[in-house]
Amino acid sequence: MKPTTDSVTSPVRASAIDKYVSWLALDQQRPKKRMFESSLEEIQNGLEEAKRREKLTAERLKRQSEESSLLRQEMENTKRMLQDLQSAIRNVITPTGPA
C-alpha cells in the first residue's frame, strides 16, 4: 500500500520536519559566524600590523631627525673652522701689521 498524503503530513511528522528545518536554519548560521569571526580576526591582525609599522616609522623619523640635527651642528662647526682657517691663511699671506 502506498503512503497517502495524509500519512506523510501527520502532526507528528510535521513537528519533526519543523524541528529539522529549524535545526538546518541554525546550522546555516554557524558557517556565517565562523566566516565573520575569521574576517574580524584578519582585520584585527591587519590593524595590529599597521600599528606596528606606524610605530616603527615614527621611531625611524625621530632617529633621522636627531641625526639630521647632529649633522647640521657638525656642518656649522666645520663651516666656522673653515672661515677661521681662511682668515688665518689671509693673515699669513698678507700680514696686517707693521713691517
Protein backbone atom coordinates (compact mmCIF):
# COMPACT_ATOMS: atom_id res chain seq x y z
CA MET A 1 0.00 0.00 0.00
CA LYS A 2 1.27 3.42 -0.97
CA PRO A 3 1.55 6.10 1.70
CA THR A 4 -1.03 8.77 1.35
CA THR A 5 -0.53 12.49 1.63
CA ASP A 6 -2.33 12.45 4.95
CA SER A 7 0.07 9.96 6.50
CA VAL A 8 3.09 11.98 5.37
CA THR A 9 1.81 15.26 6.75
CA SER A 10 0.56 13.95 10.03
CA PRO A 11 1.09 16.28 13.03
CA VAL A 12 3.90 14.11 14.39
CA ARG A 13 5.75 14.22 11.08
CA ALA A 14 5.07 17.93 10.67
CA SER A 15 6.55 18.58 14.11
CA ALA A 16 9.64 16.54 13.28
CA ILE A 17 10.02 18.31 9.94
CA ASP A 18 9.67 21.71 11.65
CA LYS A 19 12.38 20.77 14.15
CA TYR A 20 14.65 19.58 11.36
CA VAL A 21 14.10 22.75 9.34
CA SER A 22 14.83 24.84 12.45
CA TRP A 23 17.99 22.85 13.09
CA LEU A 24 19.09 23.37 9.49
CA ALA A 25 18.46 27.11 9.78
CA LEU A 26 20.58 27.29 12.94
CA ASP A 27 23.29 25.17 11.36
CA GLN A 28 23.45 27.55 8.39
CA GLN A 29 24.24 30.44 10.73
CA ARG A 30 27.28 28.62 12.14
CA PRO A 31 29.41 28.93 8.95
CA LYS A 32 28.43 32.58 8.59
CA LYS A 33 29.50 33.17 12.18
CA ARG A 34 32.82 31.40 11.57
CA MET A 35 33.39 33.42 8.42
CA PHE A 36 32.58 36.67 10.26
CA GLU A 37 34.94 35.74 13.09
CA SER A 38 37.65 34.87 10.58
CA SER A 39 37.18 38.20 8.79
CA LEU A 40 37.21 40.05 12.09
CA GLU A 41 40.41 38.28 13.09
CA GLU A 42 42.03 39.22 9.76
CA ILE A 43 41.01 42.85 10.24
CA GLN A 44 42.40 42.85 13.79
CA ASN A 45 45.66 41.30 12.61
CA GLY A 46 45.89 43.90 9.85
CA LEU A 47 45.28 46.67 12.36
CA GLU A 48 47.98 45.31 14.69
CA GLU A 49 50.40 45.14 11.76
CA ALA A 50 49.56 48.71 10.72
CA LYS A 51 50.10 49.94 14.30
CA ARG A 52 53.45 48.16 14.43
CA ARG A 53 54.55 49.68 11.11
CA GLU A 54 53.40 53.14 12.20
CA LYS A 55 55.37 52.84 15.44
CA LEU A 56 58.50 51.75 13.56
CA THR A 57 58.09 54.60 11.08
CA ALA A 58 57.68 57.13 13.88
CA GLU A 59 60.81 55.81 15.61
CA ARG A 60 62.76 55.94 12.35
CA LEU A 61 61.64 59.53 11.67
CA LYS A 62 62.62 60.59 15.19
CA ARG A 63 66.03 58.95 14.82
CA GLN A 64 66.56 60.60 11.42
CA SER A 65 65.57 63.97 12.84
CA GLU A 66 68.09 63.60 15.66
CA GLU A 67 70.80 62.54 13.19
CA SER A 68 69.92 65.48 10.96
CA SER A 69 70.33 67.90 13.88
CA LEU A 70 73.71 66.42 14.73
CA LEU A 71 74.84 66.65 11.11
CA ARG A 72 73.64 70.25 10.92
CA GLN A 73 75.66 71.12 14.05
CA GLU A 74 78.74 69.40 12.64
CA MET A 75 78.30 71.26 9.36
CA GLU A 76 78.07 74.63 11.20
CA ASN A 77 81.19 73.77 13.23
CA THR A 78 83.06 72.79 10.07
CA LYS A 79 81.92 75.98 8.33
CA ARG A 80 83.20 78.09 11.25
CA MET A 81 86.50 76.21 11.27
CA LEU A 82 86.92 76.79 7.51
CA GLN A 83 86.20 80.50 7.92
CA ASP A 84 88.76 80.70 10.75
CA LEU A 85 91.26 78.82 8.61
CA GLN A 86 90.66 81.14 5.64
CA SER A 87 91.22 84.17 7.92
CA ALA A 88 94.42 82.64 9.27
CA ILE A 89 95.69 81.95 5.73
CA ARG A 90 94.88 85.51 4.64
CA ASN A 91 96.76 86.86 7.65
CA VAL A 92 99.81 84.74 6.81
CA ILE A 93 99.76 85.74 3.13
CA THR A 94 99.03 89.43 3.72
CA PRO A 95 100.04 90.44 7.21
CA THR A 96 98.08 93.40 8.55
CA GLY A 97 100.60 94.63 10.99
CA PRO A 98 103.64 96.99 10.86
CA ALA A 99 106.50 95.59 8.83
